[in-house]
Amino acid sequence: MNNEIGEERVLLLDPVDRISEILFGLLMAVTIVGSLSIATAGQREVRTMMAAALGCNLAWGLVDAVMYLVRTATERARNHALGKRIAAVEAAKGRELIARALPDALTSIVTADEIEGMRRNLVARPPAEHRALRPRDFLEAFAVFLMVVVATFPVVLPFMLTSDVTEAMRIARAITLAMLFVAGFALGRRAGYARPLLTGLLMAVFGIVLIAAIKALGG
């Protein structure tokens, strides 16, 4: 029942969402870069590869941003309808609806009195004006788009700075591994793991395996 009652988002996207979008764009870009043949690549092939990486991430960034808006509008409409239903039904049914809507992590620790308090607050408050999308949602969607697109540049930048394709590929792979490690480390810290360094290493290994699988499947 989040994003409806007492909603006040401070950050522009949740940190996990931000890291996930960057990882998505990074993996898309490095997969395209990895398709470049070092043995036969010339300047034309390199330019084609960079254009393909940027174009692909532009397209998927746009798709991801639109889907973010769709998810946000759907969740907000669902929460609004749920709030109105809770306010309209009898107390026992309202408590049941609230309990079912709570995240699993809260279900086991929230008491019956607390659930009843939530129900009373819902009944006492008039339904807020329902808007499927708000200006901030479009700003967040644009941030999603930018994150996917911007993740392309660290991977293709080496090919812009040197004409040695082999060296550029080596640097691009090193940058990719470093970014995967940092993202994994950040996710580990966010999750509260005792050893976020291990999470970073696992993310780097996972990235290598995932990229190999995508290439093997013709991605």
N, C-alpha and C. Protein backbone atom coordinates (compact mmCIF):
# COMPACT_ATOMS: atom_id res chain seq x y z
N MET A 1 0.82 -1.20 0.00
CA MET A 1 0.00 0.00 0.00
C MET A 1 0.86 1.26 0.00
N ASN A 2 2.09 1.14 -0.49
CA ASN A 2 2.96 2.30 -0.57
C ASN A 2 2.57 3.18 -1.74
N ASN A 3 3.20 4.37 -1.81
CA ASN A 3 2.95 5.31 -2.90
C ASN A 3 1.53 5.84 -2.93
N GLU A 4 0.79 5.75 -1.81
CA GLU A 4 -0.57 6.29 -1.82
C GLU A 4 -0.87 7.08 -0.57
N ILE A 5 -0.59 6.52 0.59
CA ILE A 5 -0.93 7.17 1.84
C ILE A 5 0.33 7.75 2.44
N GLY A 6 0.35 9.07 2.67
CA GLY A 6 1.52 9.69 3.27
C GLY A 6 2.75 9.56 2.40
N GLU A 7 2.57 9.54 1.10
CA GLU A 7 3.69 9.33 0.20
C GLU A 7 4.59 10.55 0.15
N GLU A 8 5.87 10.36 0.32
CA GLU A 8 6.83 11.45 0.21
C GLU A 8 8.17 10.86 -0.21
N ARG A 9 8.43 10.81 -1.49
CA ARG A 9 9.68 10.25 -1.98
C ARG A 9 10.74 11.34 -2.02
N VAL A 10 11.86 11.06 -1.40
CA VAL A 10 12.94 12.03 -1.34
C VAL A 10 13.93 11.78 -2.46
N LEU A 11 14.34 10.55 -2.62
CA LEU A 11 15.33 10.22 -3.64
C LEU A 11 14.67 10.09 -5.00
N LEU A 12 15.41 10.43 -6.03
CA LEU A 12 14.95 10.22 -7.39
C LEU A 12 15.28 8.78 -7.76
N LEU A 13 14.35 7.90 -7.58
CA LEU A 13 14.49 6.46 -7.74
C LEU A 13 15.19 5.84 -6.53
N ASP A 14 14.76 4.65 -6.19
CA ASP A 14 15.40 3.88 -5.14
C ASP A 14 16.82 3.53 -5.56
N PRO A 15 17.79 3.51 -4.62
CA PRO A 15 19.17 3.16 -4.99
C PRO A 15 19.29 1.84 -5.74
N VAL A 16 18.51 0.85 -5.36
CA VAL A 16 18.56 -0.44 -6.06
C VAL A 16 18.10 -0.27 -7.49
N ASP A 17 17.06 0.54 -7.70
CA ASP A 17 16.58 0.81 -9.06
C ASP A 17 17.66 1.50 -9.89
N ARG A 18 18.35 2.46 -9.28
CA ARG A 18 19.39 3.18 -10.01
C ARG A 18 20.52 2.23 -10.43
N ILE A 19 20.96 1.42 -9.50
CA ILE A 19 22.05 0.48 -9.81
C ILE A 19 21.61 -0.53 -10.86
N SER A 20 20.37 -1.00 -10.74
CA SER A 20 19.87 -1.99 -11.70
C SER A 20 19.81 -1.42 -13.11
N GLU A 21 19.36 -0.17 -13.25
CA GLU A 21 19.29 0.44 -14.58
C GLU A 21 20.68 0.60 -15.18
N ILE A 22 21.64 1.01 -14.36
CA ILE A 22 23.01 1.16 -14.86
C ILE A 22 23.57 -0.18 -15.29
N LEU A 23 23.32 -1.22 -14.50
CA LEU A 23 23.79 -2.56 -14.86
C LEU A 23 23.16 -3.03 -16.16
N PHE A 24 21.88 -2.75 -16.32
CA PHE A 24 21.19 -3.16 -17.54
C PHE A 24 21.85 -2.51 -18.77
N GLY A 25 22.04 -1.20 -18.70
CA GLY A 25 22.68 -0.51 -19.82
C GLY A 25 24.10 -0.98 -20.06
N LEU A 26 24.83 -1.23 -18.98
CA LEU A 26 26.21 -1.69 -19.11
C LEU A 26 26.28 -3.05 -19.79
N LEU A 27 25.44 -3.98 -19.37
CA LEU A 27 25.46 -5.32 -19.96
C LEU A 27 25.04 -5.29 -21.43
N MET A 28 24.07 -4.44 -21.75
CA MET A 28 23.66 -4.31 -23.14
C MET A 28 24.82 -3.80 -23.99
N ALA A 29 25.50 -2.77 -23.49
CA ALA A 29 26.59 -2.17 -24.27
C ALA A 29 27.75 -3.13 -24.43
N VAL A 30 28.14 -3.80 -23.36
CA VAL A 30 29.32 -4.66 -23.43
C VAL A 30 29.05 -5.89 -24.28
N THR A 31 27.80 -6.32 -24.34
CA THR A 31 27.45 -7.45 -25.21
C THR A 31 27.66 -7.08 -26.68
N ILE A 32 27.24 -5.88 -27.05
CA ILE A 32 27.42 -5.42 -28.43
C ILE A 32 28.89 -5.22 -28.74
N VAL A 33 29.62 -4.60 -27.80
CA VAL A 33 31.06 -4.40 -28.00
C VAL A 33 31.77 -5.74 -28.14
N GLY A 34 31.34 -6.73 -27.37
CA GLY A 34 31.97 -8.04 -27.43
C GLY A 34 31.77 -8.76 -28.75
N SER A 35 30.80 -8.31 -29.53
CA SER A 35 30.57 -8.94 -30.84
C SER A 35 31.56 -8.47 -31.89
N LEU A 36 32.36 -7.45 -31.56
CA LEU A 36 33.34 -6.91 -32.51
C LEU A 36 34.51 -7.88 -32.65
N SER A 37 34.85 -8.21 -33.87
CA SER A 37 35.97 -9.11 -34.14
C SER A 37 37.28 -8.31 -34.11
N ILE A 38 38.15 -8.63 -33.15
CA ILE A 38 39.42 -7.92 -33.02
C ILE A 38 40.30 -8.15 -34.23
N ALA A 39 40.24 -9.34 -34.79
CA ALA A 39 41.14 -9.71 -35.89
C ALA A 39 40.83 -8.93 -37.16
N THR A 40 39.58 -8.61 -37.40
CA THR A 40 39.19 -8.01 -38.68
C THR A 40 38.63 -6.60 -38.55
N ALA A 41 38.52 -6.09 -37.36
CA ALA A 41 37.87 -4.80 -37.17
C ALA A 41 38.71 -3.65 -37.68
N GLY A 42 38.07 -2.80 -38.47
CA GLY A 42 38.68 -1.55 -38.90
C GLY A 42 37.91 -0.40 -38.33
N GLN A 43 38.27 0.82 -38.76
CA GLN A 43 37.60 2.00 -38.22
C GLN A 43 36.12 2.01 -38.54
N ARG A 44 35.75 1.51 -39.72
CA ARG A 44 34.34 1.47 -40.08
C ARG A 44 33.58 0.54 -39.15
N GLU A 45 34.15 -0.65 -38.88
CA GLU A 45 33.49 -1.60 -37.99
C GLU A 45 33.37 -1.06 -36.58
N VAL A 46 34.41 -0.36 -36.14
CA VAL A 46 34.37 0.22 -34.79
C VAL A 46 33.28 1.27 -34.70
N ARG A 47 33.18 2.13 -35.72
CA ARG A 47 32.14 3.16 -35.71
C ARG A 47 30.74 2.52 -35.74
N THR A 48 30.61 1.46 -36.53
CA THR A 48 29.32 0.75 -36.59
C THR A 48 28.96 0.16 -35.24
N MET A 49 29.97 -0.43 -34.58
CA MET A 49 29.73 -1.02 -33.27
C MET A 49 29.30 0.04 -32.26
N MET A 50 29.99 1.19 -32.24
CA MET A 50 29.65 2.24 -31.29
C MET A 50 28.25 2.78 -31.55
N ALA A 51 27.91 2.95 -32.83
CA ALA A 51 26.56 3.42 -33.16
C ALA A 51 25.51 2.40 -32.75
N ALA A 52 25.83 1.11 -32.94
CA ALA A 52 24.88 0.06 -32.55
C ALA A 52 24.68 0.02 -31.05
N ALA A 53 25.78 0.15 -30.28
CA ALA A 53 25.69 0.13 -28.82
C ALA A 53 24.86 1.30 -28.32
N LEU A 54 25.12 2.50 -28.85
CA LEU A 54 24.37 3.67 -28.43
C LEU A 54 22.90 3.57 -28.85
N GLY A 55 22.67 3.15 -30.10
CA GLY A 55 21.30 3.03 -30.60
C GLY A 55 20.50 2.01 -29.81
N CYS A 56 21.13 0.88 -29.49
CA CYS A 56 20.44 -0.16 -28.73
C CYS A 56 20.05 0.35 -27.35
N ASN A 57 20.99 1.03 -26.68
CA ASN A 57 20.68 1.52 -25.34
C ASN A 57 19.69 2.69 -25.37
N LEU A 58 19.72 3.48 -26.43
CA LEU A 58 18.70 4.52 -26.58
C LEU A 58 17.31 3.90 -26.67
N ALA A 59 17.21 2.85 -27.50
CA ALA A 59 15.91 2.19 -27.69
C ALA A 59 15.44 1.53 -26.40
N TRP A 60 16.33 0.79 -25.75
CA TRP A 60 15.92 0.09 -24.54
C TRP A 60 15.76 1.04 -23.37
N GLY A 61 16.49 2.13 -23.36
CA GLY A 61 16.27 3.13 -22.32
C GLY A 61 14.87 3.72 -22.44
N LEU A 62 14.44 3.97 -23.68
CA LEU A 62 13.10 4.50 -23.91
C LEU A 62 12.04 3.49 -23.48
N VAL A 63 12.24 2.23 -23.86
CA VAL A 63 11.29 1.18 -23.48
C VAL A 63 11.22 1.06 -21.96
N ASP A 64 12.37 1.06 -21.31
CA ASP A 64 12.42 0.92 -19.86
C ASP A 64 11.73 2.09 -19.17
N ALA A 65 11.93 3.30 -19.71
CA ALA A 65 11.29 4.48 -19.12
C ALA A 65 9.77 4.40 -19.25
N VAL A 66 9.29 3.99 -20.42
CA VAL A 66 7.85 3.86 -20.62
C VAL A 66 7.27 2.80 -19.69
N MET A 67 7.97 1.66 -19.57
CA MET A 67 7.47 0.61 -18.69
C MET A 67 7.50 1.05 -17.23
N TYR A 68 8.45 1.91 -16.87
CA TYR A 68 8.46 2.46 -15.51
C TYR A 68 7.19 3.26 -15.25
N LEU A 69 6.78 4.06 -16.22
CA LEU A 69 5.54 4.83 -16.08
C LEU A 69 4.33 3.91 -16.01
N VAL A 70 4.33 2.86 -16.82
CA VAL A 70 3.21 1.91 -16.80
C VAL A 70 3.11 1.23 -15.44
N ARG A 71 4.25 0.78 -14.90
CA ARG A 71 4.25 0.12 -13.59
C ARG A 71 3.77 1.08 -12.50
N THR A 72 4.27 2.33 -12.56
CA THR A 72 3.89 3.31 -11.54
C THR A 72 2.39 3.60 -11.58
N ALA A 73 1.87 3.82 -12.78
CA ALA A 73 0.44 4.12 -12.91
C ALA A 73 -0.42 2.95 -12.47
N THR A 74 0.01 1.74 -12.82
CA THR A 74 -0.76 0.55 -12.44
C THR A 74 -0.77 0.35 -10.94
N GLU A 75 0.40 0.48 -10.31
CA GLU A 75 0.48 0.30 -8.86
C GLU A 75 -0.31 1.37 -8.12
N ARG A 76 -0.24 2.60 -8.59
CA ARG A 76 -0.95 3.68 -7.92
C ARG A 76 -2.46 3.49 -8.05
N ALA A 77 -2.93 3.07 -9.22
CA ALA A 77 -4.37 2.83 -9.41
C ALA A 77 -4.83 1.68 -8.52
N ARG A 78 -4.02 0.65 -8.42
CA ARG A 78 -4.36 -0.49 -7.58
C ARG A 78 -4.45 -0.08 -6.11
N ASN A 79 -3.48 0.71 -5.65
CA ASN A 79 -3.48 1.15 -4.26
C ASN A 79 -4.68 2.06 -3.95
N HIS A 80 -5.01 2.91 -4.91
CA HIS A 80 -6.15 3.81 -4.72
C HIS A 80 -7.44 3.01 -4.62
N ALA A 81 -7.60 2.04 -5.51
CA ALA A 81 -8.81 1.21 -5.49
C ALA A 81 -8.87 0.39 -4.20
N LEU A 82 -7.72 -0.11 -3.75
CA LEU A 82 -7.69 -0.89 -2.52
C LEU A 82 -8.08 -0.03 -1.32
N GLY A 83 -7.57 1.20 -1.27
CA GLY A 83 -7.92 2.08 -0.17
C GLY A 83 -9.41 2.37 -0.12
N LYS A 84 -10.02 2.61 -1.27
CA LYS A 84 -11.45 2.87 -1.31
C LYS A 84 -12.24 1.63 -0.89
N ARG A 85 -11.75 0.46 -1.28
CA ARG A 85 -12.46 -0.77 -0.92
C ARG A 85 -12.38 -1.02 0.59
N ILE A 86 -11.20 -0.79 1.17
CA ILE A 86 -11.04 -0.98 2.61
C ILE A 86 -11.96 -0.06 3.39
N ALA A 87 -12.09 1.18 2.92
CA ALA A 87 -12.94 2.15 3.60
C ALA A 87 -14.42 1.80 3.48
N ALA A 88 -14.79 1.01 2.46
CA ALA A 88 -16.20 0.74 2.20
C ALA A 88 -16.70 -0.54 2.86
N VAL A 89 -15.81 -1.48 3.20
CA VAL A 89 -16.25 -2.77 3.72
C VAL A 89 -16.28 -2.74 5.24
N GLU A 90 -16.80 -3.80 5.83
CA GLU A 90 -16.85 -3.90 7.29
C GLU A 90 -15.46 -4.06 7.86
N ALA A 91 -15.34 -3.84 9.17
CA ALA A 91 -14.03 -3.77 9.82
C ALA A 91 -13.21 -5.04 9.62
N ALA A 92 -13.82 -6.19 9.82
CA ALA A 92 -13.05 -7.45 9.73
C ALA A 92 -12.49 -7.65 8.33
N LYS A 93 -13.32 -7.37 7.33
CA LYS A 93 -12.87 -7.52 5.95
C LYS A 93 -11.79 -6.51 5.62
N GLY A 94 -11.93 -5.29 6.15
CA GLY A 94 -10.91 -4.27 5.91
C GLY A 94 -9.56 -4.68 6.49
N ARG A 95 -9.58 -5.22 7.71
CA ARG A 95 -8.32 -5.68 8.31
C ARG A 95 -7.70 -6.81 7.49
N GLU A 96 -8.54 -7.66 6.97
CA GLU A 96 -8.03 -8.77 6.14
C GLU A 96 -7.37 -8.24 4.87
N LEU A 97 -7.98 -7.25 4.24
CA LEU A 97 -7.42 -6.67 3.02
C LEU A 97 -6.08 -5.99 3.30
N ILE A 98 -6.00 -5.28 4.42
CA ILE A 98 -4.74 -4.61 4.78
C ILE A 98 -3.65 -5.64 5.04
N ALA A 99 -3.98 -6.69 5.79
CA ALA A 99 -2.99 -7.73 6.10
C ALA A 99 -2.47 -8.38 4.83
N ARG A 100 -3.35 -8.61 3.88
CA ARG A 100 -2.92 -9.23 2.63
C ARG A 100 -2.07 -8.30 1.79
N ALA A 101 -2.27 -7.00 1.93
CA ALA A 101 -1.52 -6.03 1.13
C ALA A 101 -0.14 -5.72 1.71
N LEU A 102 0.09 -6.05 2.97
CA LEU A 102 1.36 -5.74 3.60
C LEU A 102 2.48 -6.62 3.04
N PRO A 103 3.70 -6.10 2.95
CA PRO A 103 4.84 -6.93 2.53
C PRO A 103 5.05 -8.07 3.51
N ASP A 104 5.62 -9.16 3.01
CA ASP A 104 5.83 -10.34 3.85
C ASP A 104 6.67 -10.03 5.08
N ALA A 105 7.64 -9.12 4.92
CA ALA A 105 8.53 -8.81 6.04
C ALA A 105 7.77 -8.14 7.19
N LEU A 106 6.65 -7.49 6.90
CA LEU A 106 5.87 -6.80 7.93
C LEU A 106 4.75 -7.66 8.48
N THR A 107 4.26 -8.59 7.69
CA THR A 107 3.10 -9.38 8.09
C THR A 107 3.30 -10.08 9.42
N SER A 108 4.52 -10.58 9.64
CA SER A 108 4.78 -11.37 10.86
C SER A 108 5.02 -10.52 12.10
N ILE A 109 5.22 -9.20 11.93
CA ILE A 109 5.54 -8.37 13.09
C ILE A 109 4.48 -7.33 13.40
N VAL A 110 3.55 -7.09 12.49
CA VAL A 110 2.49 -6.11 12.71
C VAL A 110 1.38 -6.77 13.52
N THR A 111 0.94 -6.10 14.56
CA THR A 111 -0.11 -6.65 15.42
C THR A 111 -1.50 -6.32 14.88
N ALA A 112 -2.49 -7.03 15.43
CA ALA A 112 -3.87 -6.80 15.01
C ALA A 112 -4.30 -5.37 15.34
N ASP A 113 -3.84 -4.85 16.48
CA ASP A 113 -4.20 -3.47 16.84
C ASP A 113 -3.61 -2.47 15.85
N GLU A 114 -2.41 -2.72 15.39
CA GLU A 114 -1.78 -1.82 14.42
C GLU A 114 -2.52 -1.85 13.09
N ILE A 115 -2.93 -3.05 12.68
CA ILE A 115 -3.71 -3.16 11.44
C ILE A 115 -5.04 -2.43 11.58
N GLU A 116 -5.66 -2.55 12.73
CA GLU A 116 -6.91 -1.84 12.97
C GLU A 116 -6.69 -0.33 12.94
N GLY A 117 -5.55 0.11 13.46
CA GLY A 117 -5.23 1.54 13.40
C GLY A 117 -5.09 2.02 11.96
N MET A 118 -4.46 1.20 11.13
CA MET A 118 -4.34 1.55 9.71
C MET A 118 -5.73 1.66 9.08
N ARG A 119 -6.59 0.70 9.41
CA ARG A 119 -7.93 0.71 8.83
C ARG A 119 -8.71 1.95 9.24
N ARG A 120 -8.61 2.31 10.51
CA ARG A 120 -9.32 3.50 10.99
C ARG A 120 -8.81 4.77 10.33
N ASN A 121 -7.50 4.83 10.13
CA ASN A 121 -6.94 5.99 9.43
C ASN A 121 -7.47 6.09 8.01
N LEU A 122 -7.58 4.95 7.35
CA LEU A 122 -8.11 4.95 6.00
C LEU A 122 -9.56 5.40 5.97
N VAL A 123 -10.33 4.91 6.92
CA VAL A 123 -11.75 5.27 6.96
C VAL A 123 -11.92 6.75 7.28
N ALA A 124 -11.06 7.27 8.18
CA ALA A 124 -11.20 8.66 8.62
C ALA A 124 -10.76 9.66 7.57
N ARG A 125 -9.83 9.24 6.72
CA ARG A 125 -9.30 10.17 5.72
C ARG A 125 -10.12 10.10 4.44
N PRO A 126 -10.51 11.21 3.88
CA PRO A 126 -11.22 11.17 2.59
C PRO A 126 -10.27 10.70 1.49
N PRO A 127 -10.79 10.00 0.50
CA PRO A 127 -9.93 9.53 -0.59
C PRO A 127 -9.23 10.69 -1.28
N ALA A 128 -7.93 10.55 -1.46
CA ALA A 128 -7.17 11.59 -2.15
C ALA A 128 -7.51 11.58 -3.64
N GLU A 129 -7.31 12.72 -4.25
CA GLU A 129 -7.54 12.79 -5.70
C GLU A 129 -6.59 11.84 -6.41
N HIS A 130 -7.15 11.01 -7.25
CA HIS A 130 -6.33 9.99 -7.91
C HIS A 130 -5.75 10.54 -9.21
N ARG A 131 -4.44 10.53 -9.28
CA ARG A 131 -3.74 10.87 -10.52
C ARG A 131 -2.82 9.72 -10.87
N ALA A 132 -3.04 9.14 -12.02
CA ALA A 132 -2.25 7.98 -12.40
C ALA A 132 -0.77 8.30 -12.46
N LEU A 133 -0.44 9.49 -12.99
CA LEU A 133 0.95 9.90 -13.10
C LEU A 133 1.10 11.34 -12.65
N ARG A 134 2.23 11.62 -12.02
CA ARG A 134 2.52 12.95 -11.51
C ARG A 134 3.80 13.47 -12.18
N PRO A 135 4.05 14.76 -12.11
CA PRO A 135 5.25 15.30 -12.77
C PRO A 135 6.54 14.60 -12.36
N ARG A 136 6.66 14.25 -11.08
CA ARG A 136 7.87 13.59 -10.62
C ARG A 136 8.06 12.22 -11.29
N ASP A 137 6.95 11.54 -11.60
CA ASP A 137 7.06 10.24 -12.26
C ASP A 137 7.75 10.36 -13.61
N PHE A 138 7.44 11.42 -14.34
CA PHE A 138 8.08 11.63 -15.65
C PHE A 138 9.55 11.97 -15.48
N LEU A 139 9.88 12.69 -14.42
CA LEU A 139 11.28 12.98 -14.14
C LEU A 139 12.04 11.69 -13.82
N GLU A 140 11.43 10.82 -13.05
CA GLU A 140 12.06 9.56 -12.72
C GLU A 140 12.19 8.67 -13.95
N ALA A 141 11.19 8.69 -14.81
CA ALA A 141 11.28 7.91 -16.05
C ALA A 141 12.42 8.41 -16.93
N PHE A 142 12.59 9.74 -16.97
CA PHE A 142 13.70 10.31 -17.73
C PHE A 142 15.04 9.89 -17.11
N ALA A 143 15.10 9.81 -15.78
CA ALA A 143 16.31 9.36 -15.11
C ALA A 143 16.61 7.91 -15.48
N VAL A 144 15.58 7.08 -15.57
CA VAL A 144 15.76 5.69 -16.00
C VAL A 144 16.38 5.65 -17.39
N PHE A 145 15.82 6.45 -18.29
CA PHE A 145 16.32 6.52 -19.67
C PHE A 145 17.79 6.93 -19.69
N LEU A 146 18.13 7.98 -18.93
CA LEU A 146 19.51 8.46 -18.92
C LEU A 146 20.48 7.42 -18.38
N MET A 147 20.08 6.72 -17.34
CA MET A 147 20.98 5.73 -16.75
C MET A 147 21.32 4.61 -17.72
N VAL A 148 20.33 4.15 -18.45
CA VAL A 148 20.58 3.09 -19.43
C VAL A 148 21.50 3.59 -20.54
N VAL A 149 21.26 4.83 -20.99
CA VAL A 149 22.05 5.37 -22.10
C VAL A 149 23.48 5.70 -21.65
N VAL A 150 23.60 6.37 -20.50
CA VAL A 150 24.91 6.80 -20.03
C VAL A 150 25.83 5.61 -19.76
N ALA A 151 25.25 4.48 -19.36
CA ALA A 151 26.06 3.29 -19.10
C ALA A 151 26.79 2.81 -20.35
N THR A 152 26.36 3.27 -21.54
CA THR A 152 27.04 2.89 -22.79
C THR A 152 28.43 3.50 -22.87
N PHE A 153 28.58 4.73 -22.43
CA PHE A 153 29.78 5.50 -22.74
C PHE A 153 31.07 4.97 -22.11
N PRO A 154 31.08 4.52 -20.86
CA PRO A 154 32.35 3.98 -20.33
C PRO A 154 32.87 2.79 -21.14
N VAL A 155 31.96 2.05 -21.76
CA VAL A 155 32.37 0.86 -22.52
C VAL A 155 32.92 1.24 -23.89
N VAL A 156 32.31 2.22 -24.55
CA VAL A 156 32.75 2.57 -25.91
C VAL A 156 33.83 3.65 -25.91
N LEU A 157 34.02 4.32 -24.77
CA LEU A 157 35.00 5.41 -24.71
C LEU A 157 36.41 4.98 -25.14
N PRO A 158 36.91 3.80 -24.71
CA PRO A 158 38.26 3.41 -25.15
C PRO A 158 38.42 3.36 -26.66
N PHE A 159 37.36 3.01 -27.38
CA PHE A 159 37.44 2.93 -28.84
C PHE A 159 37.48 4.32 -29.46
N MET A 160 37.08 5.33 -28.70
CA MET A 160 37.15 6.71 -29.18
C MET A 160 38.51 7.33 -28.89
N LEU A 161 39.24 6.75 -27.93
CA LEU A 161 40.50 7.34 -27.51
C LEU A 161 41.73 6.70 -28.13
N THR A 162 41.56 5.49 -28.68
CA THR A 162 42.69 4.81 -29.29
C THR A 162 42.25 4.07 -30.55
N SER A 163 43.15 4.00 -31.51
CA SER A 163 42.85 3.28 -32.75
C SER A 163 43.25 1.81 -32.66
N ASP A 164 43.89 1.43 -31.57
CA ASP A 164 44.28 0.04 -31.35
C ASP A 164 43.08 -0.72 -30.79
N VAL A 165 42.43 -1.51 -31.66
CA VAL A 165 41.20 -2.19 -31.26
C VAL A 165 41.45 -3.18 -30.14
N THR A 166 42.58 -3.89 -30.21
CA THR A 166 42.89 -4.87 -29.17
C THR A 166 43.03 -4.20 -27.81
N GLU A 167 43.77 -3.09 -27.78
CA GLU A 167 43.95 -2.37 -26.53
C GLU A 167 42.63 -1.77 -26.04
N ALA A 168 41.85 -1.24 -26.97
CA ALA A 168 40.55 -0.66 -26.59
C ALA A 168 39.63 -1.72 -26.00
N MET A 169 39.64 -2.92 -26.60
CA MET A 169 38.80 -4.00 -26.09
C MET A 169 39.24 -4.41 -24.70
N ARG A 170 40.55 -4.45 -24.48
CA ARG A 170 41.07 -4.82 -23.16
C ARG A 170 40.64 -3.79 -22.11
N ILE A 171 40.73 -2.51 -22.46
CA ILE A 171 40.35 -1.46 -21.51
C ILE A 171 38.84 -1.50 -21.25
N ALA A 172 38.06 -1.72 -22.31
CA ALA A 172 36.60 -1.78 -22.16
C ALA A 172 36.20 -2.91 -21.23
N ARG A 173 36.85 -4.05 -21.36
CA ARG A 173 36.53 -5.18 -20.48
C ARG A 173 36.92 -4.87 -19.04
N ALA A 174 38.06 -4.21 -18.85
CA ALA A 174 38.49 -3.86 -17.50
C ALA A 174 37.51 -2.88 -16.87
N ILE A 175 37.05 -1.89 -17.65
CA ILE A 175 36.07 -0.93 -17.15
C ILE A 175 34.77 -1.63 -16.78
N THR A 176 34.36 -2.57 -17.62
CA THR A 176 33.12 -3.31 -17.35
C THR A 176 33.22 -4.07 -16.04
N LEU A 177 34.33 -4.78 -15.86
CA LEU A 177 34.50 -5.55 -14.62
C LEU A 177 34.53 -4.62 -13.41
N ALA A 178 35.19 -3.47 -13.54
CA ALA A 178 35.25 -2.52 -12.43
C ALA A 178 33.86 -1.99 -12.10
N MET A 179 33.06 -1.66 -13.12
CA MET A 179 31.72 -1.16 -12.88
C MET A 179 30.82 -2.23 -12.28
N LEU A 180 30.97 -3.47 -12.74
CA LEU A 180 30.19 -4.56 -12.16
C LEU A 180 30.55 -4.75 -10.70
N PHE A 181 31.84 -4.68 -10.39
CA PHE A 181 32.27 -4.84 -9.01
C PHE A 181 31.69 -3.73 -8.12
N VAL A 182 31.80 -2.49 -8.59
CA VAL A 182 31.29 -1.36 -7.80
C VAL A 182 29.78 -1.49 -7.60
N ALA A 183 29.07 -1.88 -8.65
CA ALA A 183 27.61 -2.05 -8.53
C ALA A 183 27.27 -3.15 -7.53
N GLY A 184 28.00 -4.26 -7.61
CA GLY A 184 27.76 -5.35 -6.67
C GLY A 184 28.08 -4.94 -5.24
N PHE A 185 29.16 -4.20 -5.08
CA PHE A 185 29.53 -3.71 -3.75
C PHE A 185 28.44 -2.80 -3.19
N ALA A 186 27.92 -1.89 -4.04
CA ALA A 186 26.87 -0.98 -3.61
C ALA A 186 25.59 -1.73 -3.24
N LEU A 187 25.24 -2.75 -4.02
CA LEU A 187 24.06 -3.56 -3.70
C LEU A 187 24.27 -4.31 -2.40
N GLY A 188 25.48 -4.83 -2.19
CA GLY A 188 25.77 -5.54 -0.95
C GLY A 188 25.64 -4.65 0.27
N ARG A 189 26.15 -3.43 0.16
CA ARG A 189 26.02 -2.48 1.28
C ARG A 189 24.57 -2.11 1.51
N ARG A 190 23.84 -1.91 0.41
CA ARG A 190 22.42 -1.56 0.53
C ARG A 190 21.64 -2.66 1.23
N ALA A 191 22.00 -3.92 0.92
CA ALA A 191 21.31 -5.07 1.52
C ALA A 191 21.76 -5.34 2.95
N GLY A 192 22.85 -4.71 3.37
CA GLY A 192 23.34 -4.91 4.73
C GLY A 192 24.20 -6.14 4.90
N TYR A 193 24.77 -6.66 3.80
CA TYR A 193 25.63 -7.84 3.90
C TYR A 193 26.90 -7.50 4.66
N ALA A 194 27.41 -8.49 5.39
CA ALA A 194 28.61 -8.26 6.20
C ALA A 194 29.85 -8.09 5.33
N ARG A 195 29.84 -8.70 4.14
CA ARG A 195 31.01 -8.64 3.25
C ARG A 195 30.59 -8.15 1.86
N PRO A 196 30.38 -6.85 1.72
CA PRO A 196 29.97 -6.33 0.40
C PRO A 196 31.04 -6.51 -0.67
N LEU A 197 32.32 -6.63 -0.26
CA LEU A 197 33.37 -6.88 -1.25
C LEU A 197 33.12 -8.20 -1.97
N LEU A 198 32.66 -9.19 -1.22
CA LEU A 198 32.35 -10.49 -1.83
C LEU A 198 31.19 -10.35 -2.81
N THR A 199 30.21 -9.54 -2.44
CA THR A 199 29.09 -9.30 -3.35
C THR A 199 29.57 -8.65 -4.64
N GLY A 200 30.52 -7.72 -4.52
CA GLY A 200 31.08 -7.09 -5.72
C GLY A 200 31.78 -8.09 -6.61
N LEU A 201 32.57 -8.97 -6.01
CA LEU A 201 33.27 -9.99 -6.80
C LEU A 201 32.28 -10.94 -7.47
N LEU A 202 31.25 -11.33 -6.74
CA LEU A 202 30.25 -12.23 -7.32
C LEU A 202 29.51 -11.56 -8.47
N MET A 203 29.25 -10.25 -8.34
CA MET A 203 28.58 -9.53 -9.42
C MET A 203 29.45 -9.49 -10.67
N ALA A 204 30.75 -9.29 -10.48
CA ALA A 204 31.67 -9.28 -11.62
C ALA A 204 31.68 -10.64 -12.31
N VAL A 205 31.74 -11.72 -11.52
CA VAL A 205 31.72 -13.07 -12.08
C VAL A 205 30.38 -13.33 -12.78
N PHE A 206 29.29 -12.92 -12.13
CA PHE A 206 27.98 -13.10 -12.73
C PHE A 206 27.88 -12.36 -14.06
N GLY A 207 28.43 -11.15 -14.11
CA GLY A 207 28.42 -10.39 -15.36
C GLY A 207 29.15 -11.10 -16.47
N ILE A 208 30.31 -11.67 -16.15
CA ILE A 208 31.09 -12.41 -17.15
C ILE A 208 30.28 -13.58 -17.69
N VAL A 209 29.67 -14.33 -16.78
CA VAL A 209 28.89 -15.51 -17.19
C VAL A 209 27.67 -15.08 -18.01
N LEU A 210 26.99 -14.02 -17.57
CA LEU A 210 25.79 -13.57 -18.27
C LEU A 210 26.12 -13.06 -19.67
N ILE A 211 27.20 -12.31 -19.79
CA ILE A 211 27.61 -11.81 -21.11
C ILE A 211 27.95 -12.97 -22.04
N ALA A 212 28.66 -13.97 -21.51
CA ALA A 212 29.00 -15.15 -22.32
C ALA A 212 27.74 -15.88 -22.76
N ALA A 213 26.76 -15.99 -21.85
CA ALA A 213 25.52 -16.67 -22.21
C ALA A 213 24.74 -15.90 -23.27
N ILE A 214 24.70 -14.56 -23.14
CA ILE A 214 23.99 -13.75 -24.14
C ILE A 214 24.63 -13.90 -25.52
N LYS A 215 25.97 -13.86 -25.55
CA LYS A 215 26.66 -14.01 -26.82
C LYS A 215 26.44 -15.40 -27.41
N ALA A 216 26.44 -16.43 -26.56
CA ALA A 216 26.24 -17.80 -27.03
C ALA A 216 24.84 -17.98 -27.61
N LEU A 217 23.88 -17.22 -27.10
CA LEU A 217 22.50 -17.32 -27.58
C LEU A 217 22.24 -16.41 -28.77
N GLY A 218 23.29 -15.73 -29.23
CA GLY A 218 23.15 -14.88 -30.40
C GLY A 218 22.76 -13.48 -30.09
N GLY A 219 22.86 -13.06 -28.80
CA GLY A 219 22.48 -11.70 -28.40
C GLY A 219 23.52 -10.68 -28.80
